Amino acid sequence: MKRLFEAQKRKERTLHRRDALKLIGLGSAGLMTGGSISAQAETSLSVPSSKKKAKIIIAGGGTGGITVAARLRRSVPNAQITLIAPNETHLYQSGQVFVAAGLYSEFDNKRATEDILPDGVKWLQEKITAFDPDNHRVHTEKSGELSYDYLVVALGCEYDFSAIEGINAEDIGKEGIASVYLNDTLKGISPGALITKLWFESIRRNAAKRPQNVLLCEPDTPVKGEGVSFDMLFLCNDILRGNGVRKGEDLHQNVHFTLTKPGHTLFPSKPIADTLQKEMKKAGNTETKFSHRLLAVNKSRKTAEFEVDGKRVEYSYDYLHITPPMRAPEVVQNSPLAIKEGRLKGWMEVDSATLQHPKYPDVFGIGDVLGLSSGKSGGAVREQAILIQDNLAAFLEKKTLPIHYNGYSVSPIKTRYGRVLLAEYDNHGLAPTFPLDPTVPRWIWWEMDLHLMRAAYFGLMMRGML
């Protein structure tokens, strides 16, 4: 395994100059449009914002934790930064969709945590067991109590399949049930991606024999990867048309797709929702059911039960894809940092503009753990890391915080093999960082997402350079 990681590291260093220039060029063009808060960042890559000494603890070693560690390493170079996370392997979770599509191997999305950990950051490979912000401490399973001057919580979110009556995580991959989300970040595995790849193949194989009903369900909780259900629907339908990795006859009219949504909208941004509606109508074999909250699944009967306007309704299926209910880790839910009431109860409470906790201003949050109404995505994490990079440094200097988060998020929705709808949006509507109409699926976004973004993620973003 170590040898495989080393080979992948060498491959990463060979990110072709031509590809890097393309990526940087596209990013520069996007910044000129002013759609991203990163254009406001005051810290350059080489000039620190604060030279003061401080003890900073970062809780979590996922996308948010590693990215913000790299950026704080530069903006507050004299700080003692400790990252606490148990995982030996880091997963590029966005790549799970491409594994399902047959375009990545599962190993393509893995790197050893020690290889992407920023220089000068101390790594404690253990779990945090409690937060004590009143006393500026965290409790860990091995090291006990640790004090901090500043804390950044980047613990992500957890999948709660068992919140659906009748199933749990072990049922994914059985009786026609799939979820591309299924992974274990502690073990560094993502079985849901391979299960979904086989799920696609099984749907096509059976569609050649008889009509099939495919049900795709979304939960009534916040989710990361807002467009993943659409990825599953559109990619599967394109495979049925005979496209994708293996070519074949067109079978898509033998399959009917039903997407259930717990709310009344197809996507948070209306212009993107309108495009998705057109794509689904063009497909000719899809429908959407709104205000459907998934309650239970009967595996043996292949039925799913929903709450609709206070009533229980049941649908049969041949194949089922589940976007699981999501929640903050229990260590956050049970802490003073959590939201206490309402729809976002249990998620980390932060000011939506500064990402500071309203009661504990020396505590910042980043990523999927946050109780915000904005989207949860890698693009959101990147923007939030830039904000914390400069705002925490300014806080050390007792200056006004220079950047406010505008809710930016992005979903690269695969509308078919070779086309991606780059859905960039914030609290005010569309927020394109590129001078192209964001409501049009394009081949260039597919090429960038498939061929450039994984290398850029590990080689640039994880190093705080993108």
Protein backbone atom coordinates (compact mmCIF):
# COMPACT_ATOMS: atom_id res chain seq x y z
CA MET A 1 0.00 0.00 0.00
CA LYS A 2 2.82 2.40 0.87
CA ARG A 3 4.41 1.76 -2.53
CA LEU A 4 1.11 2.55 -4.25
CA PHE A 5 0.82 5.84 -2.35
CA GLU A 6 4.39 6.74 -3.34
CA ALA A 7 3.62 6.04 -7.00
CA GLN A 8 0.54 8.23 -6.81
CA LYS A 9 2.57 11.03 -5.21
CA ARG A 10 5.07 10.91 -8.09
CA LYS A 11 2.19 11.01 -10.56
CA GLU A 12 0.75 14.04 -8.80
CA ARG A 13 4.00 15.94 -9.09
CA THR A 14 3.79 15.44 -12.85
CA LEU A 15 0.61 17.50 -13.14
CA HIS A 16 1.52 18.82 -16.56
CA ARG A 17 2.50 22.46 -16.75
CA ARG A 18 0.05 22.85 -19.63
CA ASP A 19 -2.84 21.51 -17.52
CA ALA A 20 -1.86 23.59 -14.51
CA LEU A 21 -1.73 26.72 -16.64
CA LYS A 22 -5.15 25.93 -18.05
CA LEU A 23 -6.54 25.50 -14.56
CA ILE A 24 -4.90 28.64 -13.21
CA GLY A 25 -6.02 30.57 -16.29
CA LEU A 26 -9.62 29.51 -15.82
CA GLY A 27 -9.44 30.37 -12.13
CA SER A 28 -8.00 33.80 -12.89
CA ALA A 29 -10.77 34.48 -15.36
CA GLY A 30 -13.29 33.49 -12.72
CA LEU A 31 -11.79 35.76 -10.09
CA MET A 32 -12.07 38.72 -12.45
CA THR A 33 -15.84 38.25 -12.51
CA GLY A 34 -15.94 38.90 -8.77
CA GLY A 35 -18.20 35.92 -8.02
CA SER A 36 -15.89 34.43 -5.39
CA ILE A 37 -14.93 35.80 -2.00
CA SER A 38 -11.40 34.60 -2.66
CA ALA A 39 -10.92 37.73 -4.72
CA GLN A 40 -11.18 39.66 -1.44
CA ALA A 41 -8.47 37.70 0.36
CA GLU A 42 -5.80 40.01 1.76
CA THR A 43 -3.15 37.37 2.44
CA SER A 44 -0.86 36.51 -0.46
CA LEU A 45 0.77 33.10 -0.65
CA SER A 46 4.02 34.34 0.89
CA VAL A 47 3.16 37.28 3.19
CA PRO A 48 1.83 36.50 6.70
CA SER A 49 -1.05 38.51 8.18
CA SER A 50 0.04 38.01 11.78
CA LYS A 51 3.38 37.07 13.32
CA LYS A 52 1.93 36.60 16.79
CA LYS A 53 2.32 33.33 18.65
CA ALA A 54 -0.77 31.30 19.45
CA LYS A 55 -1.90 27.72 20.00
CA ILE A 56 -4.36 26.68 17.30
CA ILE A 57 -6.14 23.33 17.31
CA ILE A 58 -7.84 22.08 14.17
CA ALA A 59 -10.41 19.35 14.83
CA GLY A 60 -10.67 17.09 11.80
CA GLY A 61 -8.43 15.93 8.96
CA GLY A 62 -10.79 16.03 5.99
CA THR A 63 -10.96 18.63 3.24
CA GLY A 64 -11.67 21.51 5.61
CA GLY A 65 -9.09 20.57 8.21
CA ILE A 66 -6.16 20.01 5.84
CA THR A 67 -6.97 23.03 3.65
CA VAL A 68 -7.31 25.48 6.54
CA ALA A 69 -4.17 24.08 8.19
CA ALA A 70 -2.16 24.80 5.04
CA ARG A 71 -3.50 28.33 4.80
CA LEU A 72 -3.02 29.16 8.50
CA ARG A 73 0.53 27.80 8.28
CA ARG A 74 1.27 30.81 6.06
CA SER A 75 -1.03 33.51 7.45
CA VAL A 76 0.05 32.91 11.10
CA PRO A 77 3.51 31.34 10.69
CA ASN A 78 4.49 31.65 14.36
CA ALA A 79 1.44 29.82 15.61
CA GLN A 80 1.67 26.29 17.00
CA ILE A 81 -0.87 24.40 14.88
CA THR A 82 -2.09 20.97 15.95
CA LEU A 83 -4.42 18.94 13.76
CA ILE A 84 -6.36 16.18 15.54
CA ALA A 85 -7.76 13.44 13.30
CA PRO A 86 -7.67 9.63 13.46
CA ASN A 87 -7.71 8.79 9.73
CA GLU A 88 -4.53 7.44 8.11
CA THR A 89 -6.06 7.80 4.64
CA HIS A 90 -7.66 10.86 3.07
CA LEU A 91 -10.50 10.36 0.59
CA TYR A 92 -11.30 12.63 -2.34
CA GLN A 93 -15.01 12.08 -1.87
CA SER A 94 -16.10 13.96 -4.98
CA GLY A 95 -14.36 11.27 -7.01
CA GLN A 96 -16.77 8.59 -5.80
CA VAL A 97 -19.19 9.58 -8.58
CA PHE A 98 -16.49 8.97 -11.19
CA VAL A 99 -15.74 5.56 -9.69
CA ALA A 100 -19.43 4.71 -10.07
CA ALA A 101 -19.27 5.97 -13.65
CA GLY A 102 -16.40 3.57 -14.39
CA LEU A 103 -13.87 6.35 -15.00
CA TYR A 104 -11.79 6.19 -11.79
CA SER A 105 -10.59 3.29 -9.70
CA GLU A 106 -11.32 3.47 -5.99
CA PHE A 107 -7.61 3.88 -5.26
CA ASP A 108 -7.45 7.02 -7.43
CA ASN A 109 -9.29 8.92 -4.68
CA LYS A 110 -6.96 7.95 -1.80
CA ARG A 111 -3.85 9.55 -0.34
CA ALA A 112 -2.00 8.95 2.91
CA THR A 113 -2.84 11.70 5.39
CA GLU A 114 0.82 12.09 6.34
CA ASP A 115 1.65 12.87 2.70
CA ILE A 116 -0.76 15.79 2.41
CA LEU A 117 -0.32 17.16 5.93
CA PRO A 118 1.19 20.68 5.71
CA ASP A 119 4.78 21.09 6.89
CA GLY A 120 5.04 22.48 10.40
CA VAL A 121 1.62 21.17 11.49
CA LYS A 122 1.59 18.66 14.33
CA TRP A 123 -0.72 15.69 13.77
CA LEU A 124 -2.34 13.85 16.66
CA GLN A 125 -3.78 10.67 15.19
CA GLU A 126 -6.70 10.25 17.57
CA LYS A 127 -10.31 11.25 18.12
CA ILE A 128 -11.67 14.25 19.96
CA THR A 129 -14.06 13.03 22.65
CA ALA A 130 -15.40 16.36 23.96
CA PHE A 131 -15.27 20.12 23.45
CA ASP A 132 -14.94 22.46 26.45
CA PRO A 133 -14.98 25.95 24.93
CA ASP A 134 -15.68 27.62 28.29
CA ASN A 135 -12.21 26.54 29.39
CA HIS A 136 -10.52 26.65 25.97
CA ARG A 137 -9.92 22.90 25.92
CA VAL A 138 -10.64 19.80 23.92
CA HIS A 139 -10.57 16.26 25.27
CA THR A 140 -9.03 13.46 23.23
CA GLU A 141 -9.05 9.68 23.58
CA LYS A 142 -5.28 9.35 24.10
CA SER A 143 -3.78 12.72 25.02
CA GLY A 144 -6.48 13.80 27.44
CA GLU A 145 -7.08 17.54 27.85
CA LEU A 146 -5.46 19.94 25.40
CA SER A 147 -5.67 23.71 25.69
CA TYR A 148 -5.91 26.15 22.81
CA ASP A 149 -6.03 29.85 22.09
CA TYR A 150 -8.06 29.30 18.92
CA LEU A 151 -10.04 26.33 17.69
CA VAL A 152 -11.17 25.46 14.16
CA VAL A 153 -13.81 22.71 14.00
CA ALA A 154 -13.69 20.77 10.72
CA LEU A 155 -15.23 17.43 11.64
CA GLY A 156 -17.52 17.09 8.63
CA CYS A 157 -20.82 15.23 8.82
CA GLU A 158 -21.94 11.64 9.27
CA TYR A 159 -24.34 9.47 7.27
CA ASP A 160 -27.28 8.05 9.21
CA PHE A 161 -28.81 5.31 7.03
CA SER A 162 -30.45 3.77 10.11
CA ALA A 163 -32.66 6.87 10.45
CA ILE A 164 -34.69 5.23 7.65
CA GLU A 165 -36.82 2.45 9.12
CA GLY A 166 -35.98 -0.98 7.77
CA ILE A 167 -32.42 -0.42 6.58
CA ASN A 168 -28.91 0.40 7.74
CA ALA A 169 -25.54 0.88 6.07
CA GLU A 170 -25.03 -2.89 5.73
CA ASP A 171 -28.05 -3.09 3.39
CA ILE A 172 -26.40 -0.91 0.74
CA GLY A 173 -25.53 -3.22 -2.13
CA LYS A 174 -28.35 -5.68 -1.41
CA GLU A 175 -31.86 -6.07 -2.86
CA GLY A 176 -31.36 -3.38 -5.52
CA ILE A 177 -30.32 -0.67 -3.03
CA ALA A 178 -27.35 1.60 -3.70
CA SER A 179 -25.82 4.78 -2.33
CA VAL A 180 -22.77 6.34 -3.94
CA TYR A 181 -22.24 8.21 -0.65
CA LEU A 182 -21.41 5.12 1.40
CA ASN A 183 -17.85 5.39 2.72
CA ASP A 184 -15.79 5.11 5.87
CA THR A 185 -13.39 8.02 6.19
CA LEU A 186 -11.69 6.43 9.22
CA LYS A 187 -10.84 3.25 7.28
CA GLY A 188 -10.32 5.14 4.01
CA ILE A 189 -12.76 3.07 1.98
CA SER A 190 -15.71 4.00 -0.24
CA PRO A 191 -17.71 0.85 -1.04
CA GLY A 192 -20.74 2.86 -2.16
CA ALA A 193 -18.92 3.95 -5.33
CA LEU A 194 -18.24 0.37 -6.49
CA ILE A 195 -21.70 -0.75 -5.41
CA THR A 196 -23.26 2.00 -7.51
CA LYS A 197 -21.12 1.04 -10.51
CA LEU A 198 -22.54 -2.50 -10.28
CA TRP A 199 -26.01 -1.00 -9.70
CA PHE A 200 -25.77 0.87 -13.03
CA GLU A 201 -24.73 -2.33 -14.78
CA SER A 202 -27.54 -4.34 -13.20
CA ILE A 203 -30.18 -1.80 -14.21
CA ARG A 204 -29.02 -1.93 -17.82
CA ARG A 205 -28.84 -5.72 -17.83
CA ASN A 206 -32.38 -6.09 -16.52
CA ALA A 207 -33.75 -3.30 -18.70
CA ALA A 208 -32.95 -5.52 -21.69
CA LYS A 209 -35.41 -8.08 -20.29
CA ARG A 210 -38.31 -6.03 -18.90
CA PRO A 211 -39.30 -2.50 -17.77
CA GLN A 212 -37.63 -1.24 -14.59
CA ASN A 213 -38.60 1.36 -11.98
CA VAL A 214 -35.72 3.28 -10.42
CA LEU A 215 -36.36 5.39 -7.31
CA LEU A 216 -33.90 8.04 -6.10
CA CYS A 217 -34.60 9.51 -2.65
CA GLU A 218 -33.24 12.55 -0.85
CA PRO A 219 -33.52 13.15 2.93
CA ASP A 220 -35.09 16.03 4.82
CA THR A 221 -31.74 16.90 6.41
CA PRO A 222 -28.99 19.15 5.07
CA VAL A 223 -26.87 17.22 2.57
CA LYS A 224 -23.42 17.58 1.12
CA GLY A 225 -23.15 17.22 -2.62
CA GLU A 226 -26.44 18.88 -3.50
CA GLY A 227 -26.47 17.55 -7.07
CA VAL A 228 -25.45 13.92 -6.53
CA SER A 229 -28.95 12.48 -7.07
CA PHE A 230 -28.96 14.16 -10.47
CA ASP A 231 -25.53 12.66 -11.23
CA MET A 232 -26.97 9.21 -10.52
CA LEU A 233 -30.09 9.78 -12.60
CA PHE A 234 -28.43 11.35 -15.64
CA LEU A 235 -25.39 9.05 -15.75
CA CYS A 236 -27.55 5.95 -15.38
CA ASN A 237 -29.86 7.17 -18.12
CA ASP A 238 -26.91 7.84 -20.41
CA ILE A 239 -25.59 4.33 -19.77
CA LEU A 240 -29.03 3.04 -20.73
CA ARG A 241 -28.80 5.02 -23.96
CA GLY A 242 -25.70 3.02 -24.79
CA ASN A 243 -23.13 5.65 -23.83
CA GLY A 244 -20.51 5.70 -21.09
CA VAL A 245 -17.62 3.27 -20.74
CA ARG A 246 -19.35 0.46 -22.63
CA LYS A 247 -21.35 1.21 -25.78
CA GLY A 248 -24.60 -0.59 -26.53
CA GLU A 249 -28.19 -0.34 -27.71
CA ASP A 250 -30.56 2.32 -26.41
CA LEU A 251 -32.67 0.91 -23.56
CA HIS A 252 -33.61 4.09 -21.72
CA GLN A 253 -37.31 3.90 -22.60
CA ASN A 254 -37.47 0.62 -20.66
CA VAL A 255 -36.63 2.42 -17.40
CA HIS A 256 -38.65 4.98 -15.47
CA PHE A 257 -36.84 7.22 -12.96
CA THR A 258 -38.61 8.85 -10.01
CA LEU A 259 -36.73 11.41 -7.92
CA THR A 260 -38.25 12.27 -4.55
CA LYS A 261 -37.50 15.57 -2.84
CA PRO A 262 -38.51 16.45 0.74
CA GLY A 263 -39.11 20.10 -0.14
CA HIS A 264 -40.76 22.08 -2.90
CA THR A 265 -37.74 22.95 -5.05
CA LEU A 266 -35.54 20.97 -7.40
CA PHE A 267 -32.33 22.85 -6.54
CA PRO A 268 -31.40 25.81 -4.28
CA SER A 269 -30.75 28.11 -7.25
CA LYS A 270 -33.84 28.61 -9.45
CA PRO A 271 -31.96 29.13 -12.74
CA ILE A 272 -30.09 25.85 -12.13
CA ALA A 273 -33.36 24.17 -11.15
CA ASP A 274 -34.92 25.35 -14.42
CA THR A 275 -32.05 23.82 -16.41
CA LEU A 276 -32.32 20.54 -14.52
CA GLN A 277 -36.07 20.49 -15.16
CA LYS A 278 -35.42 20.91 -18.88
CA GLU A 279 -32.84 18.12 -18.86
CA MET A 280 -35.26 15.79 -17.11
CA LYS A 281 -38.07 16.66 -19.50
CA LYS A 282 -35.75 16.08 -22.45
CA ALA A 283 -34.91 12.63 -21.09
CA GLY A 284 -38.57 11.65 -21.39
CA ASN A 285 -38.51 8.94 -18.72
CA THR A 286 -38.19 10.86 -15.45
CA GLU A 287 -40.48 12.50 -12.92
CA THR A 288 -40.05 14.38 -9.67
CA LYS A 289 -42.21 14.05 -6.58
CA PHE A 290 -41.97 16.96 -4.15
CA SER A 291 -42.81 17.09 -0.42
CA HIS A 292 -41.92 13.40 -0.04
CA ARG A 293 -40.09 12.49 3.18
CA LEU A 294 -38.66 8.96 3.12
CA LEU A 295 -39.75 7.06 6.24
CA ALA A 296 -39.11 3.38 5.63
CA VAL A 297 -37.89 0.77 3.16
CA ASN A 298 -39.16 -2.79 2.94
CA LYS A 299 -36.31 -4.70 1.33
CA SER A 300 -38.14 -7.97 0.73
CA ARG A 301 -41.16 -6.31 -0.91
CA LYS A 302 -39.03 -3.62 -2.59
CA THR A 303 -41.22 -0.76 -1.43
CA ALA A 304 -40.46 2.66 0.01
CA GLU A 305 -42.81 4.53 2.31
CA PHE A 306 -43.05 8.31 2.46
CA GLU A 307 -44.81 11.00 4.43
CA VAL A 308 -46.68 13.31 2.05
CA ASP A 309 -48.83 16.13 3.49
CA GLY A 310 -49.27 14.22 6.73
CA LYS A 311 -50.22 10.96 5.02
CA ARG A 312 -48.18 7.81 4.39
CA VAL A 313 -47.81 6.68 0.78
CA GLU A 314 -45.93 3.73 -0.64
CA TYR A 315 -44.09 3.18 -3.94
CA SER A 316 -42.63 0.01 -5.37
CA TYR A 317 -39.23 -0.04 -7.04
CA ASP A 318 -36.84 -2.37 -8.79
CA TYR A 319 -33.82 -0.26 -7.87
CA LEU A 320 -33.36 2.34 -5.16
CA HIS A 321 -30.65 4.96 -4.68
CA ILE A 322 -30.52 6.65 -1.29
CA THR A 323 -28.93 9.95 -0.36
CA PRO A 324 -28.65 9.24 3.37
CA PRO A 325 -29.89 11.48 6.17
CA MET A 326 -26.93 13.46 7.47
CA ARG A 327 -26.03 14.84 10.86
CA ALA A 328 -23.14 16.43 12.70
CA PRO A 329 -20.86 14.06 14.67
CA GLU A 330 -22.13 13.27 18.16
CA VAL A 331 -19.15 15.01 19.76
CA VAL A 332 -20.45 18.25 18.22
CA GLN A 333 -24.13 17.54 18.87
CA ASN A 334 -23.40 16.99 22.57
CA SER A 335 -21.24 20.09 22.95
CA PRO A 336 -21.89 23.77 23.77
CA LEU A 337 -20.96 24.50 20.13
CA ALA A 338 -24.16 22.96 18.72
CA ILE A 339 -27.38 24.67 17.64
CA LYS A 340 -29.96 23.83 20.32
CA GLU A 341 -33.30 24.16 18.52
CA GLY A 342 -34.90 24.13 15.08
CA ARG A 343 -34.25 22.34 11.80
CA LEU A 344 -30.47 22.68 12.18
CA LYS A 345 -30.39 21.37 15.75
CA GLY A 346 -27.15 19.53 16.48
CA TRP A 347 -25.08 21.15 13.74
CA MET A 348 -22.32 23.56 14.72
CA GLU A 349 -23.51 27.08 15.38
CA VAL A 350 -21.55 29.84 13.63
CA ASP A 351 -22.19 33.35 12.44
CA SER A 352 -23.08 32.89 8.77
CA ALA A 353 -20.81 35.75 7.72
CA THR A 354 -17.70 35.34 9.90
CA LEU A 355 -17.88 31.56 10.61
CA GLN A 356 -17.20 32.35 14.29
CA HIS A 357 -19.23 30.81 17.06
CA PRO A 358 -21.55 33.55 18.41
CA LYS A 359 -20.77 32.72 22.07
CA TYR A 360 -17.13 31.67 21.64
CA PRO A 361 -15.44 34.05 19.16
CA ASP A 362 -12.12 32.19 19.46
CA VAL A 363 -13.84 29.19 17.83
CA PHE A 364 -14.28 29.01 14.05
CA GLY A 365 -16.00 26.35 11.99
CA ILE A 366 -15.54 25.11 8.44
CA GLY A 367 -17.17 22.66 6.09
CA ASP A 368 -19.95 20.12 6.35
CA VAL A 369 -20.27 20.34 10.15
CA LEU A 370 -21.70 23.87 9.96
CA GLY A 371 -25.36 24.59 10.61
CA LEU A 372 -25.83 26.93 7.68
CA SER A 373 -28.57 27.07 5.05
CA SER A 374 -25.96 27.36 2.29
CA GLY A 375 -24.66 24.36 0.36
CA LYS A 376 -22.09 21.84 1.61
CA SER A 377 -19.41 21.23 -1.03
CA GLY A 378 -15.68 21.25 -1.68
CA GLY A 379 -16.06 24.65 -3.31
CA ALA A 380 -17.73 25.99 -0.18
CA VAL A 381 -14.87 24.63 1.94
CA ARG A 382 -12.30 26.36 -0.27
CA GLU A 383 -14.03 29.73 0.18
CA GLN A 384 -14.42 29.20 3.92
CA ALA A 385 -10.74 28.27 4.29
CA ILE A 386 -9.71 31.50 2.59
CA LEU A 387 -11.99 33.41 4.97
CA ILE A 388 -10.57 31.73 8.09
CA GLN A 389 -7.02 32.21 6.79
CA ASP A 390 -7.43 35.98 6.87
CA ASN A 391 -10.09 36.43 9.55
CA LEU A 392 -8.32 34.40 12.23
CA ALA A 393 -5.09 36.25 11.54
CA ALA A 394 -6.94 39.58 11.77
CA PHE A 395 -8.56 38.43 15.03
CA LEU A 396 -5.11 37.76 16.46
CA GLU A 397 -4.16 41.34 15.56
CA LYS A 398 -7.43 42.69 17.07
CA LYS A 399 -8.40 44.04 13.66
CA THR A 400 -11.77 44.11 11.92
CA LEU A 401 -12.37 40.82 10.15
CA PRO A 402 -11.73 41.50 6.46
CA ILE A 403 -13.93 38.86 4.77
CA HIS A 404 -17.56 37.82 5.05
CA TYR A 405 -18.83 34.50 3.70
CA ASN A 406 -21.62 34.88 1.15
CA GLY A 407 -22.83 31.27 1.14
CA TYR A 408 -20.97 30.30 -2.03
CA SER A 409 -21.22 26.66 -3.08
CA VAL A 410 -20.77 24.69 -6.28
CA SER A 411 -22.14 21.42 -7.66
CA PRO A 412 -20.60 19.99 -10.85
CA ILE A 413 -23.70 18.08 -12.00
CA LYS A 414 -23.03 15.44 -14.66
CA THR A 415 -25.93 15.73 -17.12
CA ARG A 416 -24.45 12.95 -19.27
CA TYR A 417 -21.05 11.47 -20.08
CA GLY A 418 -19.05 14.38 -21.43
CA ARG A 419 -21.21 17.22 -20.01
CA VAL A 420 -21.21 18.97 -16.64
CA LEU A 421 -23.50 21.72 -15.41
CA LEU A 422 -21.26 23.83 -13.15
CA ALA A 423 -23.87 25.02 -10.66
CA GLU A 424 -22.25 27.89 -8.75
CA TYR A 425 -24.50 29.82 -6.42
CA ASP A 426 -24.59 31.77 -3.17
CA ASN A 427 -27.16 33.34 -0.87
CA HIS A 428 -28.13 35.84 -3.56
CA GLY A 429 -28.46 33.55 -6.59
CA LEU A 430 -26.09 32.49 -9.34
CA ALA A 431 -22.43 33.16 -8.53
CA PRO A 432 -20.34 32.14 -11.56
CA THR A 433 -16.58 32.46 -11.19
CA PHE A 434 -16.11 31.93 -14.93
CA PRO A 435 -17.26 34.19 -17.80
CA LEU A 436 -19.64 31.55 -19.19
CA ASP A 437 -23.38 31.02 -18.75
CA PRO A 438 -23.60 28.76 -15.66
CA THR A 439 -26.96 27.34 -16.72
CA VAL A 440 -25.50 25.53 -19.74
CA PRO A 441 -23.93 22.04 -19.39
CA ARG A 442 -20.51 22.11 -21.08
CA TRP A 443 -17.81 19.67 -22.14
CA ILE A 444 -15.08 21.93 -20.70
CA TRP A 445 -16.47 21.50 -17.16
CA TRP A 446 -16.56 17.72 -17.68
CA GLU A 447 -12.93 17.73 -18.79
CA MET A 448 -11.88 19.91 -15.87
CA ASP A 449 -13.86 17.89 -13.32
CA LEU A 450 -12.68 14.52 -14.64
CA HIS A 451 -9.07 15.24 -15.59
CA LEU A 452 -7.89 18.25 -13.58
CA MET A 453 -9.78 18.69 -10.35
CA ARG A 454 -8.54 15.61 -8.49
CA ALA A 455 -4.91 16.51 -9.16
CA ALA A 456 -5.64 20.14 -8.29
CA TYR A 457 -7.39 19.03 -5.10
CA PHE A 458 -4.41 17.06 -3.79
CA GLY A 459 -1.64 19.11 -5.40
CA LEU A 460 -3.00 22.65 -4.90
CA MET A 461 -6.09 22.93 -2.69
CA MET A 462 -4.76 20.67 0.06
CA ARG A 463 -1.63 22.84 0.07
CA GLY A 464 -3.68 26.03 0.39
CA MET A 465 -2.77 27.21 -3.10
CA LEU A 466 -6.16 27.02 -4.85
